[in-house]
Amino acid sequence: MKIGIVTPLDPKTGISIYAAILAVELQNLGKDVSIISPDNSFDNLPIKHEDINYISPNNYVPEDYDITHFQLASSNLHEFQLHLLDDHHKKLKNSSNIITTIHDARNFDSFDLKCSKCISFGLNLTNTPIIYPFDIVDKAFQRISKYLIFHNTFAMEEYKNRYKLNNNSLRYIPISAYRLEGTTDPNVDLDNNDNRILVPGYISPFKGQDILLKAVSNIDQDFKLVFMGKIVDKNYGIYLDNLIKKEGIQDKVEFLGFVTDYEFINQIDKAKIVLIPRLISSWLKKTPIYRLRKLLGFDYLINHSTSAVLTMSLASGKPIICSKNQGFSEYINSSRGIFCDNKIESWRNAIKFLLENPEKQREMSINSKNFANNTLNPTMIAKKHIKLYNQCL
């Protein structure tokens, strides 16, 4: 079976980890895999396999593959995939071997798209006079895909109901819990006294890291709140800096910024607790762009999404404190973490509880690692993909 995995490339992080892990596991299972991504894909691939081919989008030919697997998330890095659809639309539309993974239930909107060619292509796909921003890309891939993959059933149901789709084309496959080659299996023994609380991922007003700062401001225990990721809005970054000074917690907060894939996992391993918020900052609610998005019905971040950061933390055996996100609920329960609502007190109480109860930290850590090994094993997840690929042939 010859499989082409189409994946975006971030200038700093390279291709998506999801695509990289899947490609390597499929290759190890005896499949012929090519990664179709913008230039320098090989140099930016976090996981290398000498037998995987790396194809420029300009050299993509649909007939060369038994399966073409696209993937979508909330980023304009995916625009090149729309170019492929535009260039090969007739062939792809008449194919029965196209699969698309929808990483976010509400994945694209016109605020993300900067390319006039993409917008024109998307608008030409609809037969209705009213089009929502997120329709532009979603409907393009619905038209060509035999199956759409989702990482949790809540996202799948939301998507199905929004677009009035039937169950025949929708499939649930979880995100694998992986570790990069060259990293050692983490020790879940948390007896050290370094209370590092890690917040991995992009720093965004749609994740509401300011709420976390307010939550820890009145916690008396020794700890270090570590943010790891790019600040996507410099004005939000200024707001966070001012808030830290206002709360007087400069010594308890650290920003690592962008780090390599290996350092990303290393920092997760060093943490005692991992925080994964899906909150809307009070700062954001005052901005004109948020008010416009709210008017368009796009005022909340994907409330059914599942984060790869979440499964990476499970693979590292960490207790997780996260938002009451329905997409998280199929990966986290009370034995592996704590759910919080959007109130400061909820996050403060959860953090204090784990800091004050190291035995509970240890118990959750063991449970997280076991769940990752038994349920989210990358090889097992790759086999689920192969089973679905076979249904297209």
Protein backbone atom coordinates (compact mmCIF):
# COMPACT_ATOMS: atom_id res chain seq x y z
CA MET A 1 0.00 0.00 0.00
CA LYS A 2 1.41 3.37 -1.05
CA ILE A 3 0.32 6.19 1.25
CA GLY A 4 0.81 9.92 0.77
CA ILE A 5 0.48 11.95 3.98
CA VAL A 6 -0.07 15.62 3.23
CA THR A 7 1.05 17.79 6.12
CA PRO A 8 1.84 21.45 6.78
CA LEU A 9 5.26 22.66 7.78
CA ASP A 10 5.90 25.22 10.49
CA PRO A 11 9.05 27.28 9.83
CA LYS A 12 10.31 26.53 13.34
CA THR A 13 8.83 23.19 14.36
CA GLY A 14 8.78 21.45 10.99
CA ILE A 15 5.97 19.12 9.94
CA SER A 16 3.30 18.11 12.41
CA ILE A 17 4.25 15.51 15.00
CA TYR A 18 0.98 13.71 14.25
CA ALA A 19 2.06 13.18 10.62
CA ALA A 20 5.64 12.32 11.54
CA ILE A 21 4.71 9.67 14.13
CA LEU A 22 2.03 8.18 11.87
CA ALA A 23 4.41 8.01 8.90
CA VAL A 24 7.14 6.25 10.86
CA GLU A 25 4.74 3.75 12.43
CA LEU A 26 3.14 2.97 9.05
CA GLN A 27 6.58 2.48 7.50
CA ASN A 28 7.57 0.15 10.34
CA LEU A 29 4.41 -1.84 9.64
CA GLY A 30 5.52 -2.41 6.07
CA LYS A 31 3.69 0.38 4.22
CA ASP A 32 5.23 2.58 1.52
CA VAL A 33 4.90 6.12 2.90
CA SER A 34 5.59 9.52 1.38
CA ILE A 35 5.29 12.83 3.17
CA ILE A 36 3.99 15.64 0.97
CA SER A 37 4.93 18.97 2.48
CA PRO A 38 6.57 22.29 1.55
CA ASP A 39 10.32 22.46 0.96
CA ASN A 40 12.86 21.42 3.61
CA SER A 41 10.52 18.78 4.98
CA PHE A 42 13.37 16.34 5.56
CA ASP A 43 15.46 18.84 7.48
CA ASN A 44 12.53 19.68 9.74
CA LEU A 45 11.20 16.18 10.31
CA PRO A 46 11.41 15.51 14.08
CA ILE A 47 11.35 11.77 13.54
CA LYS A 48 13.43 10.42 10.68
CA HIS A 49 13.09 7.18 8.78
CA GLU A 50 15.45 6.45 5.91
CA ASP A 51 12.75 4.71 3.83
CA ILE A 52 10.21 7.55 3.89
CA ASN A 53 10.00 9.67 0.75
CA TYR A 54 9.67 13.45 0.95
CA ILE A 55 7.69 14.99 -1.87
CA SER A 56 7.26 18.65 -2.77
CA PRO A 57 3.60 19.67 -3.31
CA ASN A 58 4.55 20.66 -6.87
CA ASN A 59 5.42 17.00 -7.54
CA TYR A 60 2.27 15.50 -6.03
CA VAL A 61 0.32 13.29 -8.44
CA PRO A 62 -2.89 11.76 -6.99
CA GLU A 63 -2.60 8.61 -9.12
CA ASP A 64 0.75 7.76 -7.52
CA TYR A 65 -0.89 6.82 -4.21
CA ASP A 66 -3.34 4.19 -3.04
CA ILE A 67 -4.28 6.57 -0.20
CA THR A 68 -3.87 10.32 0.16
CA HIS A 69 -4.25 11.48 3.75
CA PHE A 70 -4.79 15.22 4.34
CA GLN A 71 -4.96 16.90 7.74
CA LEU A 72 -6.47 20.16 8.91
CA ALA A 73 -6.03 22.39 11.94
CA SER A 74 -6.47 26.06 12.77
CA SER A 75 -3.54 27.56 10.89
CA ASN A 76 -2.87 29.29 7.59
CA LEU A 77 0.05 26.86 7.22
CA HIS A 78 -2.55 24.58 5.62
CA GLU A 79 -3.15 26.88 2.66
CA PHE A 80 -0.88 24.81 0.42
CA GLN A 81 -3.34 21.91 0.83
CA LEU A 82 -6.06 24.06 -0.70
CA HIS A 83 -3.71 24.74 -3.58
CA LEU A 84 -3.43 20.98 -4.10
CA LEU A 85 -7.20 20.68 -4.09
CA ASP A 86 -7.47 23.50 -6.59
CA ASP A 87 -4.81 22.01 -8.86
CA HIS A 88 -6.17 18.43 -8.73
CA HIS A 89 -9.80 19.01 -7.82
CA LYS A 90 -11.43 16.95 -10.56
CA LYS A 91 -9.25 13.89 -9.94
CA LEU A 92 -9.54 14.13 -6.16
CA LYS A 93 -13.31 14.62 -6.27
CA ASN A 94 -13.72 11.48 -8.37
CA SER A 95 -11.46 9.42 -6.10
CA SER A 96 -12.53 7.11 -3.29
CA ASN A 97 -9.16 6.95 -1.59
CA ILE A 98 -8.96 10.37 0.13
CA ILE A 99 -8.97 10.65 3.93
CA THR A 100 -8.79 13.88 5.94
CA THR A 101 -8.03 14.20 9.64
CA ILE A 102 -9.88 17.12 11.24
CA HIS A 103 -7.65 18.03 14.17
CA ASP A 104 -10.05 20.69 15.44
CA ALA A 105 -13.83 20.40 15.27
CA ARG A 106 -14.02 24.04 14.21
CA ASN A 107 -10.76 24.15 12.35
CA PHE A 108 -10.57 26.99 9.85
CA ASP A 109 -12.03 30.43 9.40
CA SER A 110 -11.55 33.26 6.99
CA PHE A 111 -9.48 35.18 9.57
CA ASP A 112 -6.78 32.52 9.16
CA LEU A 113 -6.66 32.56 5.37
CA LYS A 114 -4.39 35.13 3.76
CA CYS A 115 -4.35 33.70 0.25
CA SER A 116 -6.87 35.12 -2.24
CA LYS A 117 -6.60 31.93 -4.34
CA CYS A 118 -7.71 29.85 -1.34
CA ILE A 119 -10.62 32.11 -0.50
CA SER A 120 -11.81 32.16 -4.10
CA PHE A 121 -11.55 28.39 -4.35
CA GLY A 122 -13.50 27.90 -1.13
CA LEU A 123 -16.24 30.34 -2.06
CA ASN A 124 -16.76 28.61 -5.38
CA LEU A 125 -17.55 25.35 -3.61
CA THR A 126 -20.74 26.53 -1.91
CA ASN A 127 -24.18 26.67 -3.44
CA THR A 128 -25.68 28.81 -0.70
CA PRO A 129 -25.75 32.63 -0.54
CA ILE A 130 -24.73 32.59 3.15
CA ILE A 131 -21.40 31.06 4.08
CA TYR A 132 -19.88 30.94 7.54
CA PRO A 133 -16.15 31.67 7.81
CA PHE A 134 -15.20 28.12 8.72
CA ASP A 135 -17.14 26.68 5.75
CA ILE A 136 -14.53 27.85 3.26
CA VAL A 137 -12.12 25.02 3.97
CA ASP A 138 -14.32 22.44 5.65
CA LYS A 139 -16.61 22.00 2.67
CA ALA A 140 -13.69 21.71 0.28
CA PHE A 141 -12.38 18.66 2.12
CA GLN A 142 -15.83 17.19 2.75
CA ARG A 143 -16.34 17.12 -1.00
CA ILE A 144 -13.24 15.02 -1.77
CA SER A 145 -12.89 12.83 1.35
CA LYS A 146 -14.33 9.36 1.70
CA TYR A 147 -13.64 9.47 5.43
CA LEU A 148 -13.08 12.26 7.95
CA ILE A 149 -11.11 11.33 11.07
CA PHE A 150 -11.68 13.00 14.46
CA HIS A 151 -9.73 12.61 17.69
CA ASN A 152 -12.77 12.38 19.96
CA THR A 153 -16.45 11.55 19.57
CA PHE A 154 -17.67 14.92 20.84
CA ALA A 155 -15.86 16.73 18.04
CA MET A 156 -17.25 14.24 15.56
CA GLU A 157 -20.83 14.75 16.74
CA GLU A 158 -20.51 18.56 16.73
CA TYR A 159 -19.13 18.50 13.20
CA LYS A 160 -21.76 16.04 11.99
CA ASN A 161 -24.63 18.12 13.37
CA ARG A 162 -23.24 21.41 12.07
CA TYR A 163 -22.92 20.17 8.51
CA LYS A 164 -25.79 17.65 8.64
CA LEU A 165 -23.52 14.78 7.66
CA ASN A 166 -24.25 11.09 8.11
CA ASN A 167 -22.14 8.70 10.16
CA ASN A 168 -20.90 6.76 7.13
CA SER A 169 -18.04 9.16 6.41
CA LEU A 170 -16.99 9.93 10.00
CA ARG A 171 -14.48 7.98 12.06
CA TYR A 172 -12.92 8.34 15.52
CA ILE A 173 -9.21 7.56 15.99
CA PRO A 174 -7.46 8.96 19.09
CA ILE A 175 -4.16 10.85 19.05
CA SER A 176 -1.25 8.61 19.95
CA ALA A 177 0.81 9.26 23.07
CA TYR A 178 4.35 9.34 21.76
CA ARG A 179 7.90 10.12 22.68
CA LEU A 180 10.56 11.24 20.19
CA GLU A 181 13.44 8.96 19.33
CA GLY A 182 16.40 9.60 21.58
CA THR A 183 14.34 10.57 24.63
CA THR A 184 14.39 8.24 27.62
CA ASP A 185 11.26 6.81 29.17
CA PRO A 186 10.30 9.19 32.01
CA ASN A 187 10.50 8.21 35.64
CA VAL A 188 7.18 8.89 37.38
CA ASP A 189 8.90 9.09 40.77
CA LEU A 190 8.08 12.63 41.90
CA ASP A 191 9.98 12.69 45.19
CA ASN A 192 12.15 15.65 44.16
CA ASN A 193 11.27 18.99 45.68
CA ASP A 194 11.18 21.00 42.45
CA ASN A 195 7.52 21.96 42.09
CA ARG A 196 7.53 22.88 38.41
CA ILE A 197 4.07 23.54 37.01
CA LEU A 198 4.26 23.51 33.22
CA VAL A 199 1.90 25.22 30.77
CA PRO A 200 2.98 23.89 27.33
CA GLY A 201 1.79 25.21 23.97
CA TYR A 202 1.09 28.52 22.30
CA ILE A 203 0.46 31.43 24.65
CA SER A 204 -2.79 32.86 23.38
CA PRO A 205 -5.75 34.86 24.69
CA PHE A 206 -7.88 31.97 23.39
CA LYS A 207 -6.18 29.77 26.00
CA GLY A 208 -6.36 32.35 28.78
CA GLN A 209 -2.99 32.01 30.49
CA ASP A 210 -3.76 35.23 32.39
CA ILE A 211 -6.38 33.29 34.36
CA LEU A 212 -3.65 30.88 35.47
CA LEU A 213 -1.48 33.78 36.65
CA LYS A 214 -4.33 35.10 38.77
CA ALA A 215 -4.99 31.60 40.09
CA VAL A 216 -1.45 31.08 41.43
CA SER A 217 -1.03 34.60 42.82
CA ASN A 218 -2.46 33.62 46.22
CA ILE A 219 -0.83 30.19 46.55
CA ASP A 220 1.72 30.13 49.38
CA GLN A 221 3.59 26.92 48.49
CA ASP A 222 6.93 26.98 46.69
CA PHE A 223 6.49 26.45 42.96
CA LYS A 224 7.57 27.69 39.56
CA LEU A 225 4.91 28.31 36.89
CA VAL A 226 6.63 27.71 33.55
CA PHE A 227 5.10 28.79 30.23
CA MET A 228 6.56 27.02 27.22
CA GLY A 229 5.60 28.25 23.77
CA LYS A 230 5.38 31.20 21.46
CA ILE A 231 3.34 34.26 22.45
CA VAL A 232 1.03 34.64 19.45
CA ASP A 233 -0.07 38.22 20.18
CA LYS A 234 2.59 40.67 21.38
CA ASN A 235 -0.05 42.90 22.98
CA TYR A 236 -1.30 39.92 24.98
CA GLY A 237 2.30 39.29 26.01
CA ILE A 238 2.58 42.85 27.30
CA TYR A 239 -0.66 42.37 29.22
CA LEU A 240 0.69 39.18 30.83
CA ASP A 241 3.95 40.91 31.79
CA ASN A 242 2.06 43.76 33.45
CA LEU A 243 -0.21 41.30 35.24
CA ILE A 244 2.77 39.39 36.66
CA LYS A 245 4.18 42.64 38.05
CA LYS A 246 0.80 43.66 39.42
CA GLU A 247 0.37 40.33 41.23
CA GLY A 248 3.96 40.42 42.49
CA ILE A 249 4.83 36.92 41.26
CA GLN A 250 7.89 37.70 39.11
CA ASP A 251 9.99 35.14 41.01
CA LYS A 252 7.39 32.39 40.51
CA VAL A 253 6.88 32.69 36.75
CA GLU A 254 9.16 31.77 33.86
CA PHE A 255 8.70 32.02 30.07
CA LEU A 256 10.78 29.60 28.01
CA GLY A 257 9.53 30.75 24.63
CA PHE A 258 9.91 28.48 21.61
CA VAL A 259 11.89 25.29 22.22
CA THR A 260 12.92 22.32 20.08
CA ASP A 261 10.83 19.14 20.00
CA TYR A 262 13.32 17.35 22.24
CA GLU A 263 13.42 20.19 24.76
CA PHE A 264 9.62 20.32 24.69
CA ILE A 265 9.44 16.73 25.92
CA ASN A 266 12.36 17.28 28.31
CA GLN A 267 10.45 20.12 29.97
CA ILE A 268 7.31 17.99 30.27
CA ASP A 269 9.41 15.27 31.92
CA LYS A 270 10.81 17.76 34.46
CA ALA A 271 7.36 19.06 35.46
CA LYS A 272 5.41 17.91 38.50
CA ILE A 273 2.05 19.06 37.08
CA VAL A 274 0.91 20.01 33.57
CA LEU A 275 -1.78 22.66 33.00
CA ILE A 276 -3.77 22.67 29.73
CA PRO A 277 -6.24 25.58 29.68
CA ARG A 278 -8.93 26.30 27.10
CA LEU A 279 -10.11 29.64 28.42
CA ILE A 280 -10.97 33.01 26.92
CA SER A 281 -8.99 35.88 28.37
CA SER A 282 -10.85 38.86 29.78
CA TRP A 283 -8.30 40.91 27.82
CA LEU A 284 -9.49 39.33 24.57
CA LYS A 285 -13.15 40.04 25.22
CA LYS A 286 -12.43 43.77 25.08
CA THR A 287 -10.82 43.67 21.63
CA PRO A 288 -12.68 44.61 18.40
CA ILE A 289 -11.65 41.39 16.61
CA TYR A 290 -13.23 39.28 19.36
CA ARG A 291 -16.45 41.23 19.12
CA LEU A 292 -16.51 40.65 15.37
CA ARG A 293 -15.90 36.93 15.82
CA LYS A 294 -18.66 36.78 18.39
CA LEU A 295 -21.02 38.48 15.96
CA LEU A 296 -20.19 35.76 13.43
CA GLY A 297 -20.73 33.00 15.99
CA PHE A 298 -17.02 32.28 16.23
CA ASP A 299 -16.32 33.62 19.68
CA TYR A 300 -14.98 30.50 21.38
CA LEU A 301 -11.97 28.30 20.84
CA ILE A 302 -12.64 24.80 19.61
CA ASN A 303 -14.45 23.46 22.65
CA HIS A 304 -14.31 19.85 21.50
CA SER A 305 -10.68 19.75 20.37
CA THR A 306 -8.08 17.31 21.68
CA SER A 307 -4.53 18.50 22.17
CA ALA A 308 -1.39 16.59 21.18
CA VAL A 309 0.20 18.34 24.17
CA LEU A 310 -2.28 16.42 26.29
CA THR A 311 -1.21 13.02 24.96
CA MET A 312 2.48 13.98 25.19
CA SER A 313 1.93 14.75 28.88
CA LEU A 314 0.17 11.42 29.39
CA ALA A 315 3.10 9.64 27.69
CA SER A 316 5.39 11.38 30.17
CA GLY A 317 3.24 10.20 33.07
CA LYS A 318 2.04 13.56 34.38
CA PRO A 319 -0.98 14.56 36.43
CA ILE A 320 -2.96 16.99 34.29
CA ILE A 321 -5.13 19.92 35.26
CA CYS A 322 -7.22 20.99 32.28
CA SER A 323 -10.35 22.81 31.22
CA LYS A 324 -13.71 21.07 31.18
CA ASN A 325 -13.31 20.47 27.49
CA GLN A 326 -15.46 17.65 26.16
CA GLY A 327 -12.64 16.67 23.83
CA PHE A 328 -10.37 16.15 26.83
CA SER A 329 -12.87 13.97 28.69
CA GLU A 330 -12.09 10.88 26.59
CA TYR A 331 -8.43 11.12 27.65
CA ILE A 332 -8.61 12.46 31.21
CA ASN A 333 -10.62 11.31 34.20
CA SER A 334 -10.30 11.73 37.95
CA SER A 335 -7.62 9.04 38.13
CA ARG A 336 -5.29 10.98 35.81
CA GLY A 337 -6.13 14.64 36.40
CA ILE A 338 -8.53 17.35 37.47
CA PHE A 339 -11.04 19.28 35.36
CA CYS A 340 -11.54 23.01 35.99
CA ASP A 341 -14.17 25.48 34.88
CA ASN A 342 -13.43 29.01 33.70
CA LYS A 343 -13.22 30.50 37.19
CA ILE A 344 -9.96 31.49 38.82
CA GLU A 345 -10.89 29.72 42.05
CA SER A 346 -11.36 26.41 40.27
CA TRP A 347 -7.81 26.45 38.90
CA ARG A 348 -6.36 27.72 42.17
CA ASN A 349 -8.02 24.94 44.18
CA ALA A 350 -6.87 22.23 41.77
CA ILE A 351 -3.25 23.43 41.77
CA LYS A 352 -3.18 23.75 45.55
CA PHE A 353 -4.65 20.28 45.97
CA LEU A 354 -1.93 18.59 43.94
CA LEU A 355 0.86 20.66 45.49
CA GLU A 356 -0.36 19.69 48.95
CA ASN A 357 -0.88 16.00 48.08
CA PRO A 358 2.27 14.51 46.49
CA GLU A 359 0.88 11.01 46.93
CA LYS A 360 -2.03 11.97 44.66
CA GLN A 361 0.45 13.35 42.14
CA ARG A 362 2.27 10.04 42.13
CA GLU A 363 -0.93 8.03 41.76
CA MET A 364 -2.12 10.16 38.83
CA SER A 365 1.31 9.95 37.20
CA ILE A 366 1.29 6.16 37.21
CA ASN A 367 -2.26 6.08 35.87
CA SER A 368 -1.43 8.54 33.09
CA LYS A 369 1.56 6.49 31.96
CA ASN A 370 -0.43 3.26 32.00
CA PHE A 371 -3.24 4.81 29.99
CA ALA A 372 -0.78 6.12 27.41
CA ASN A 373 0.93 2.72 27.07
CA ASN A 374 -2.24 0.65 26.92
CA THR A 375 -4.70 2.86 25.03
CA LEU A 376 -2.71 5.43 23.04
CA ASN A 377 0.19 3.29 21.84
CA PRO A 378 1.46 4.75 18.52
CA THR A 379 1.71 1.36 16.79
CA MET A 380 -1.83 0.48 17.79
CA ILE A 381 -3.09 3.85 16.53
CA ALA A 382 -1.26 3.33 13.19
CA LYS A 383 -3.01 -0.04 12.81
CA LYS A 384 -6.37 1.71 13.24
CA HIS A 385 -5.40 4.00 10.35
CA ILE A 386 -4.43 1.02 8.18
CA LYS A 387 -7.79 -0.61 8.84
CA LEU A 388 -9.51 2.55 7.63
CA TYR A 389 -7.21 2.84 4.60
CA ASN A 390 -8.14 -0.71 3.61
CA GLN A 391 -11.81 0.27 3.55
CA CYS A 392 -10.99 2.73 0.75
CA LEU A 393 -9.43 0.12 -1.51
